[in-house]
Amino acid sequence: MAFHVRNKETERLTRELARSAGLGLTEAVHLAVESEIGRRARATPLWQRSAALRGRIALRLKERAPVDKAFRDSLYE
């Protein structure tokens, strides 16, 4: 798939990153985009990023039967 950069400043920055990191242009674009996605993900609060996981855990906890004393005692015998 072709990808054309038509902005001179973007091209200059991409070439500068590629040169300084010893990468090809495609690798430099990949690195830059990947870094930006990671930066944006980290900007989202952990509480918000973990909401789906916390929901799944809550469902599992509701499905489980309570553990009785006899079962706990059997773990240590």
PDB file of N, CA and C in Angstrom:
ATOM      1  N   MET A   1       0.851  -1.167   0.000  1.00  0.00           N
ATOM      2  CA  MET A   1       0.000   0.000   0.000  1.00  0.00           C
ATOM      3  C   MET A   1       0.901   1.235   0.000  1.00  0.00           C
ATOM      4  N   ALA A   2       0.598   2.151  -0.852  1.00  0.00           N
ATOM      5  CA  ALA A   2       1.391   3.383  -0.960  1.00  0.00           C
ATOM      6  C   ALA A   2       0.955   4.383   0.108  1.00  0.00           C
ATOM      7  N   PHE A   3       1.931   5.148   0.558  1.00  0.00           N
ATOM      8  CA  PHE A   3       1.672   6.177   1.553  1.00  0.00           C
ATOM      9  C   PHE A   3       2.534   7.365   1.154  1.00  0.00           C
ATOM     10  N   HIS A   4       1.909   8.467   0.829  1.00  0.00           N
ATOM     11  CA  HIS A   4       2.646   9.639   0.360  1.00  0.00           C
ATOM     12  C   HIS A   4       2.551  10.760   1.386  1.00  0.00           C
ATOM     13  N   VAL A   5       3.680  11.340   1.696  1.00  0.00           N
ATOM     14  CA  VAL A   5       3.728  12.480   2.610  1.00  0.00           C
ATOM     15  C   VAL A   5       3.852  13.730   1.755  1.00  0.00           C
ATOM     16  N   ARG A   6       2.876  14.593   1.869  1.00  0.00           N
ATOM     17  CA  ARG A   6       2.864  15.791   1.027  1.00  0.00           C
ATOM     18  C   ARG A   6       3.233  17.043   1.801  1.00  0.00           C
ATOM     19  N   ASN A   7       3.546  16.895   3.057  1.00  0.00           N
ATOM     20  CA  ASN A   7       3.895  18.034   3.901  1.00  0.00           C
ATOM     21  C   ASN A   7       5.415  18.063   4.044  1.00  0.00           C
ATOM     22  N   LYS A   8       6.028  19.151   3.626  1.00  0.00           N
ATOM     23  CA  LYS A   8       7.499  19.262   3.624  1.00  0.00           C
ATOM     24  C   LYS A   8       8.082  19.130   5.029  1.00  0.00           C
ATOM     25  N   GLU A   9       7.445  19.757   6.012  1.00  0.00           N
ATOM     26  CA  GLU A   9       7.948  19.693   7.387  1.00  0.00           C
ATOM     27  C   GLU A   9       7.872  18.261   7.926  1.00  0.00           C
ATOM     28  N   THR A  10       6.784  17.562   7.625  1.00  0.00           N
ATOM     29  CA  THR A  10       6.650  16.163   8.050  1.00  0.00           C
ATOM     30  C   THR A  10       7.716  15.305   7.402  1.00  0.00           C
ATOM     31  N   GLU A  11       7.974  15.541   6.136  1.00  0.00           N
ATOM     32  CA  GLU A  11       9.023  14.789   5.444  1.00  0.00           C
ATOM     33  C   GLU A  11      10.393  15.071   6.075  1.00  0.00           C
ATOM     34  N   ARG A  12      10.652  16.334   6.375  1.00  0.00           N
ATOM     35  CA  ARG A  12      11.928  16.700   6.982  1.00  0.00           C
ATOM     36  C   ARG A  12      12.098  16.023   8.335  1.00  0.00           C
ATOM     37  N   LEU A  13      11.052  16.060   9.153  1.00  0.00           N
ATOM     38  CA  LEU A  13      11.118  15.441  10.478  1.00  0.00           C
ATOM     39  C   LEU A  13      11.295  13.929  10.380  1.00  0.00           C
ATOM     40  N   THR A  14      10.612  13.314   9.427  1.00  0.00           N
ATOM     41  CA  THR A  14      10.740  11.870   9.233  1.00  0.00           C
ATOM     42  C   THR A  14      12.160  11.503   8.839  1.00  0.00           C
ATOM     43  N   ARG A  15      12.726  12.268   7.919  1.00  0.00           N
ATOM     44  CA  ARG A  15      14.105  12.003   7.494  1.00  0.00           C
ATOM     45  C   ARG A  15      15.097  12.231   8.640  1.00  0.00           C
ATOM     46  N   GLU A  16      14.840  13.246   9.443  1.00  0.00           N
ATOM     47  CA  GLU A  16      15.716  13.523  10.590  1.00  0.00           C
ATOM     48  C   GLU A  16      15.666  12.372  11.599  1.00  0.00           C
ATOM     49  N   LEU A  17      14.453  11.883  11.894  1.00  0.00           N
ATOM     50  CA  LEU A  17      14.305  10.754  12.806  1.00  0.00           C
ATOM     51  C   LEU A  17      14.987   9.513  12.241  1.00  0.00           C
ATOM     52  N   ALA A  18      14.778   9.248  10.953  1.00  0.00           N
ATOM     53  CA  ALA A  18      15.387   8.076  10.318  1.00  0.00           C
ATOM     54  C   ALA A  18      16.909   8.162  10.391  1.00  0.00           C
ATOM     55  N   ARG A  19      17.454   9.307  10.095  1.00  0.00           N
ATOM     56  CA  ARG A  19      18.905   9.492  10.112  1.00  0.00           C
ATOM     57  C   ARG A  19      19.463   9.343  11.528  1.00  0.00           C
ATOM     58  N   SER A  20      18.833   9.995  12.501  1.00  0.00           N
ATOM     59  CA  SER A  20      19.357   9.963  13.867  1.00  0.00           C
ATOM     60  C   SER A  20      19.205   8.589  14.518  1.00  0.00           C
ATOM     61  N   ALA A  21      18.182   7.817  14.116  1.00  0.00           N
ATOM     62  CA  ALA A  21      17.959   6.495  14.703  1.00  0.00           C
ATOM     63  C   ALA A  21      18.555   5.380  13.860  1.00  0.00           C
ATOM     64  N   GLY A  22      19.090   5.731  12.700  1.00  0.00           N
ATOM     65  CA  GLY A  22      19.660   4.720  11.821  1.00  0.00           C
ATOM     66  C   GLY A  22      18.602   3.797  11.242  1.00  0.00           C
ATOM     67  N   LEU A  23      17.460   4.361  10.881  1.00  0.00           N
ATOM     68  CA  LEU A  23      16.337   3.595  10.359  1.00  0.00           C
ATOM     69  C   LEU A  23      16.023   4.000   8.930  1.00  0.00           C
ATOM     70  N   GLY A  24      15.257   3.156   8.247  1.00  0.00           N
ATOM     71  CA  GLY A  24      14.697   3.537   6.959  1.00  0.00           C
ATOM     72  C   GLY A  24      13.501   4.440   7.194  1.00  0.00           C
ATOM     73  N   LEU A  25      13.005   5.050   6.138  1.00  0.00           N
ATOM     74  CA  LEU A  25      11.876   5.969   6.283  1.00  0.00           C
ATOM     75  C   LEU A  25      10.624   5.254   6.796  1.00  0.00           C
ATOM     76  N   THR A  26      10.349   4.064   6.282  1.00  0.00           N
ATOM     77  CA  THR A  26       9.169   3.324   6.731  1.00  0.00           C
ATOM     78  C   THR A  26       9.282   2.986   8.211  1.00  0.00           C
ATOM     79  N   GLU A  27      10.454   2.548   8.627  1.00  0.00           N
ATOM     80  CA  GLU A  27      10.662   2.223  10.037  1.00  0.00           C
ATOM     81  C   GLU A  27      10.531   3.463  10.914  1.00  0.00           C
ATOM     82  N   ALA A  28      11.016   4.600  10.421  1.00  0.00           N
ATOM     83  CA  ALA A  28      10.917   5.848  11.183  1.00  0.00           C
ATOM     84  C   ALA A  28       9.460   6.262  11.361  1.00  0.00           C
ATOM     85  N   VAL A  29       8.667   6.143  10.312  1.00  0.00           N
ATOM     86  CA  VAL A  29       7.238   6.477  10.411  1.00  0.00           C
ATOM     87  C   VAL A  29       6.568   5.522  11.390  1.00  0.00           C
ATOM     88  N   HIS A  30       6.893   4.234  11.287  1.00  0.00           N
ATOM     89  CA  HIS A  30       6.308   3.234  12.187  1.00  0.00           C
ATOM     90  C   HIS A  30       6.643   3.568  13.641  1.00  0.00           C
ATOM     91  N   LEU A  31       7.901   3.859  13.908  1.00  0.00           N
ATOM     92  CA  LEU A  31       8.339   4.198  15.258  1.00  0.00           C
ATOM     93  C   LEU A  31       7.604   5.428  15.787  1.00  0.00           C
ATOM     94  N   ALA A  32       7.493   6.441  14.958  1.00  0.00           N
ATOM     95  CA  ALA A  32       6.849   7.682  15.387  1.00  0.00           C
ATOM     96  C   ALA A  32       5.367   7.469  15.691  1.00  0.00           C
ATOM     97  N   VAL A  33       4.688   6.731  14.815  1.00  0.00           N
ATOM     98  CA  VAL A  33       3.258   6.489  15.019  1.00  0.00           C
ATOM     99  C   VAL A  33       3.043   5.612  16.252  1.00  0.00           C
ATOM    100  N   GLU A  34       3.851   4.573  16.394  1.00  0.00           N
ATOM    101  CA  GLU A  34       3.746   3.687  17.547  1.00  0.00           C
ATOM    102  C   GLU A  34       3.995   4.455  18.850  1.00  0.00           C
ATOM    103  N   SER A  35       4.974   5.321  18.845  1.00  0.00           N
ATOM    104  CA  SER A  35       5.271   6.123  20.035  1.00  0.00           C
ATOM    105  C   SER A  35       4.122   7.057  20.383  1.00  0.00           C
ATOM    106  N   GLU A  36       3.529   7.659  19.384  1.00  0.00           N
ATOM    107  CA  GLU A  36       2.411   8.575  19.629  1.00  0.00           C
ATOM    108  C   GLU A  36       1.196   7.828  20.167  1.00  0.00           C
ATOM    109  N   ILE A  37       0.915   6.658  19.627  1.00  0.00           N
ATOM    110  CA  ILE A  37      -0.210   5.859  20.128  1.00  0.00           C
ATOM    111  C   ILE A  37       0.039   5.488  21.590  1.00  0.00           C
ATOM    112  N   GLY A  38       1.257   5.072  21.907  1.00  0.00           N
ATOM    113  CA  GLY A  38       1.599   4.742  23.290  1.00  0.00           C
ATOM    114  C   GLY A  38       1.486   5.938  24.212  1.00  0.00           C
ATOM    115  N   ARG A  39       1.947   7.081  23.739  1.00  0.00           N
ATOM    116  CA  ARG A  39       1.863   8.304  24.549  1.00  0.00           C
ATOM    117  C   ARG A  39       0.412   8.654  24.853  1.00  0.00           C
ATOM    118  N   ARG A  40      -0.436   8.540  23.854  1.00  0.00           N
ATOM    119  CA  ARG A  40      -1.855   8.851  24.066  1.00  0.00           C
ATOM    120  C   ARG A  40      -2.518   7.849  24.998  1.00  0.00           C
ATOM    121  N   ALA A  41      -2.123   6.589  24.889  1.00  0.00           N
ATOM    122  CA  ALA A  41      -2.684   5.568  25.787  1.00  0.00           C
ATOM    123  C   ALA A  41      -2.282   5.849  27.229  1.00  0.00           C
ATOM    124  N   ARG A  42      -1.034   6.259  27.429  1.00  0.00           N
ATOM    125  CA  ARG A  42      -0.579   6.568  28.785  1.00  0.00           C
ATOM    126  C   ARG A  42      -1.235   7.830  29.331  1.00  0.00           C
ATOM    127  N   ALA A  43      -1.700   8.703  28.450  1.00  0.00           N
ATOM    128  CA  ALA A  43      -2.349   9.938  28.884  1.00  0.00           C
ATOM    129  C   ALA A  43      -3.740   9.653  29.443  1.00  0.00           C
ATOM    130  N   THR A  44      -4.330   8.506  29.056  1.00  0.00           N
ATOM    131  CA  THR A  44      -5.626   8.110  29.586  1.00  0.00           C
ATOM    132  C   THR A  44      -5.405   7.530  30.984  1.00  0.00           C
ATOM    133  N   PRO A  45      -6.147   7.988  31.969  1.00  0.00           N
ATOM    134  CA  PRO A  45      -5.938   7.491  33.331  1.00  0.00           C
ATOM    135  C   PRO A  45      -6.068   5.970  33.417  1.00  0.00           C
ATOM    136  N   LEU A  46      -5.240   5.365  34.243  1.00  0.00           N
ATOM    137  CA  LEU A  46      -5.243   3.919  34.414  1.00  0.00           C
ATOM    138  C   LEU A  46      -6.623   3.408  34.799  1.00  0.00           C
ATOM    139  N   TRP A  47      -7.316   4.153  35.657  1.00  0.00           N
ATOM    140  CA  TRP A  47      -8.645   3.738  36.098  1.00  0.00           C
ATOM    141  C   TRP A  47      -9.577   3.589  34.898  1.00  0.00           C
ATOM    142  N   GLN A  48      -9.483   4.490  33.954  1.00  0.00           N
ATOM    143  CA  GLN A  48     -10.326   4.445  32.759  1.00  0.00           C
ATOM    144  C   GLN A  48      -9.883   3.316  31.824  1.00  0.00           C
ATOM    145  N   ARG A  49      -8.551   3.140  31.665  1.00  0.00           N
ATOM    146  CA  ARG A  49      -8.044   2.077  30.789  1.00  0.00           C
ATOM    147  C   ARG A  49      -8.374   0.695  31.327  1.00  0.00           C
ATOM    148  N   SER A  50      -8.490   0.560  32.638  1.00  0.00           N
ATOM    149  CA  SER A  50      -8.723  -0.753  33.228  1.00  0.00           C
ATOM    150  C   SER A  50     -10.202  -1.050  33.484  1.00  0.00           C
ATOM    151  N   ALA A  51     -11.097  -0.185  33.050  1.00  0.00           N
ATOM    152  CA  ALA A  51     -12.524  -0.349  33.332  1.00  0.00           C
ATOM    153  C   ALA A  51     -13.065  -1.668  32.798  1.00  0.00           C
ATOM    154  N   ALA A  52     -12.720  -2.034  31.575  1.00  0.00           N
ATOM    155  CA  ALA A  52     -13.225  -3.284  30.990  1.00  0.00           C
ATOM    156  C   ALA A  52     -12.730  -4.496  31.779  1.00  0.00           C
ATOM    157  N   LEU A  53     -11.465  -4.481  32.146  1.00  0.00           N
ATOM    158  CA  LEU A  53     -10.902  -5.584  32.922  1.00  0.00           C
ATOM    159  C   LEU A  53     -11.585  -5.689  34.283  1.00  0.00           C
ATOM    160  N   ARG A  54     -11.790  -4.562  34.934  1.00  0.00           N
ATOM    161  CA  ARG A  54     -12.456  -4.585  36.237  1.00  0.00           C
ATOM    162  C   ARG A  54     -13.876  -5.130  36.116  1.00  0.00           C
ATOM    163  N   GLY A  55     -14.550  -4.814  35.009  1.00  0.00           N
ATOM    164  CA  GLY A  55     -15.897  -5.337  34.781  1.00  0.00           C
ATOM    165  C   GLY A  55     -15.896  -6.855  34.628  1.00  0.00           C
ATOM    166  N   ARG A  56     -14.920  -7.372  33.887  1.00  0.00           N
ATOM    167  CA  ARG A  56     -14.817  -8.821  33.697  1.00  0.00           C
ATOM    168  C   ARG A  56     -14.520  -9.521  35.021  1.00  0.00           C
ATOM    169  N   ILE A  57     -13.656  -8.924  35.820  1.00  0.00           N
ATOM    170  CA  ILE A  57     -13.324  -9.513  37.122  1.00  0.00           C
ATOM    171  C   ILE A  57     -14.562  -9.525  38.019  1.00  0.00           C
ATOM    172  N   ALA A  58     -15.311  -8.446  38.012  1.00  0.00           N
ATOM    173  CA  ALA A  58     -16.512  -8.363  38.846  1.00  0.00           C
ATOM    174  C   ALA A  58     -17.511  -9.444  38.457  1.00  0.00           C
ATOM    175  N   LEU A  59     -17.669  -9.696  37.154  1.00  0.00           N
ATOM    176  CA  LEU A  59     -18.582 -10.755  36.710  1.00  0.00           C
ATOM    177  C   LEU A  59     -18.129 -12.115  37.202  1.00  0.00           C
ATOM    178  N   ARG A  60     -16.843 -12.379  37.118  1.00  0.00           N
ATOM    179  CA  ARG A  60     -16.309 -13.669  37.582  1.00  0.00           C
ATOM    180  C   ARG A  60     -16.521 -13.842  39.082  1.00  0.00           C
ATOM    181  N   LEU A  61     -16.314 -12.769  39.830  1.00  0.00           N
ATOM    182  CA  LEU A  61     -16.484 -12.860  41.279  1.00  0.00           C
ATOM    183  C   LEU A  61     -17.937 -13.146  41.645  1.00  0.00           C
ATOM    184  N   LYS A  62     -18.879 -12.603  40.885  1.00  0.00           N
ATOM    185  CA  LYS A  62     -20.295 -12.845  41.154  1.00  0.00           C
ATOM    186  C   LYS A  62     -20.667 -14.288  40.836  1.00  0.00           C
ATOM    187  N   GLU A  63     -20.020 -14.879  39.827  1.00  0.00           N
ATOM    188  CA  GLU A  63     -20.338 -16.244  39.398  1.00  0.00           C
ATOM    189  C   GLU A  63     -19.811 -17.288  40.367  1.00  0.00           C
ATOM    190  N   ARG A  64     -18.735 -16.978  41.078  1.00  0.00           N
ATOM    191  CA  ARG A  64     -18.107 -17.962  41.962  1.00  0.00           C
ATOM    192  C   ARG A  64     -18.906 -18.174  43.232  1.00  0.00           C
ATOM    193  N   ALA A  65     -18.957 -19.426  43.657  1.00  0.00           N
ATOM    194  CA  ALA A  65     -19.603 -19.746  44.931  1.00  0.00           C
ATOM    195  C   ALA A  65     -18.627 -19.400  46.052  1.00  0.00           C
ATOM    196  N   PRO A  66     -19.130 -18.992  47.189  1.00  0.00           N
ATOM    197  CA  PRO A  66     -18.231 -18.676  48.296  1.00  0.00           C
ATOM    198  C   PRO A  66     -17.466 -19.935  48.743  1.00  0.00           C
ATOM    199  N   VAL A  67     -16.253 -19.729  49.195  1.00  0.00           N
ATOM    200  CA  VAL A  67     -15.416 -20.834  49.659  1.00  0.00           C
ATOM    201  C   VAL A  67     -15.700 -21.047  51.141  1.00  0.00           C
ATOM    202  N   ASP A  68     -16.044 -22.286  51.486  1.00  0.00           N
ATOM    203  CA  ASP A  68     -16.360 -22.560  52.893  1.00  0.00           C
ATOM    204  C   ASP A  68     -15.108 -22.941  53.684  1.00  0.00           C
ATOM    205  N   LYS A  69     -15.238 -22.968  54.984  1.00  0.00           N
ATOM    206  CA  LYS A  69     -14.108 -23.239  55.867  1.00  0.00           C
ATOM    207  C   LYS A  69     -13.520 -24.620  55.626  1.00  0.00           C
ATOM    208  N   ALA A  70     -14.346 -25.604  55.369  1.00  0.00           N
ATOM    209  CA  ALA A  70     -13.853 -26.966  55.146  1.00  0.00           C
ATOM    210  C   ALA A  70     -12.915 -27.006  53.938  1.00  0.00           C
ATOM    211  N   PHE A  71     -13.285 -26.299  52.877  1.00  0.00           N
ATOM    212  CA  PHE A  71     -12.434 -26.284  51.678  1.00  0.00           C
ATOM    213  C   PHE A  71     -11.105 -25.593  51.975  1.00  0.00           C
ATOM    214  N   ARG A  72     -11.161 -24.460  52.661  1.00  0.00           N
ATOM    215  CA  ARG A  72      -9.917 -23.745  53.010  1.00  0.00           C
ATOM    216  C   ARG A  72      -9.017 -24.608  53.875  1.00  0.00           C
ATOM    217  N   ASP A  73      -9.614 -25.298  54.847  1.00  0.00           N
ATOM    218  CA  ASP A  73      -8.837 -26.169  55.725  1.00  0.00           C
ATOM    219  C   ASP A  73      -8.187 -27.308  54.928  1.00  0.00           C
ATOM    220  N   SER A  74      -8.880 -27.798  53.906  1.00  0.00           N
ATOM    221  CA  SER A  74      -8.339 -28.917  53.120  1.00  0.00           C
ATOM    222  C   SER A  74      -7.108 -28.496  52.323  1.00  0.00           C
ATOM    223  N   LEU A  75      -6.969 -27.222  52.054  1.00  0.00           N
ATOM    224  CA  LEU A  75      -5.811 -26.742  51.309  1.00  0.00           C
ATOM    225  C   LEU A  75      -4.534 -26.844  52.127  1.00  0.00           C
ATOM    226  N   TYR A  76      -4.643 -26.839  53.427  1.00  0.00           N
ATOM    227  CA  TYR A  76      -3.472 -26.830  54.302  1.00  0.00           C
ATOM    228  C   TYR A  76      -3.176 -28.203  54.908  1.00  0.00           C
ATOM    229  N   GLU A  77      -3.914 -29.214  54.514  1.00  0.00           N
ATOM    230  CA  GLU A  77      -3.673 -30.560  55.064  1.00  0.00           C
ATOM    231  C   GLU A  77      -2.755 -31.348  54.211  1.00  0.00           C
TER     232      GLU A  77
END
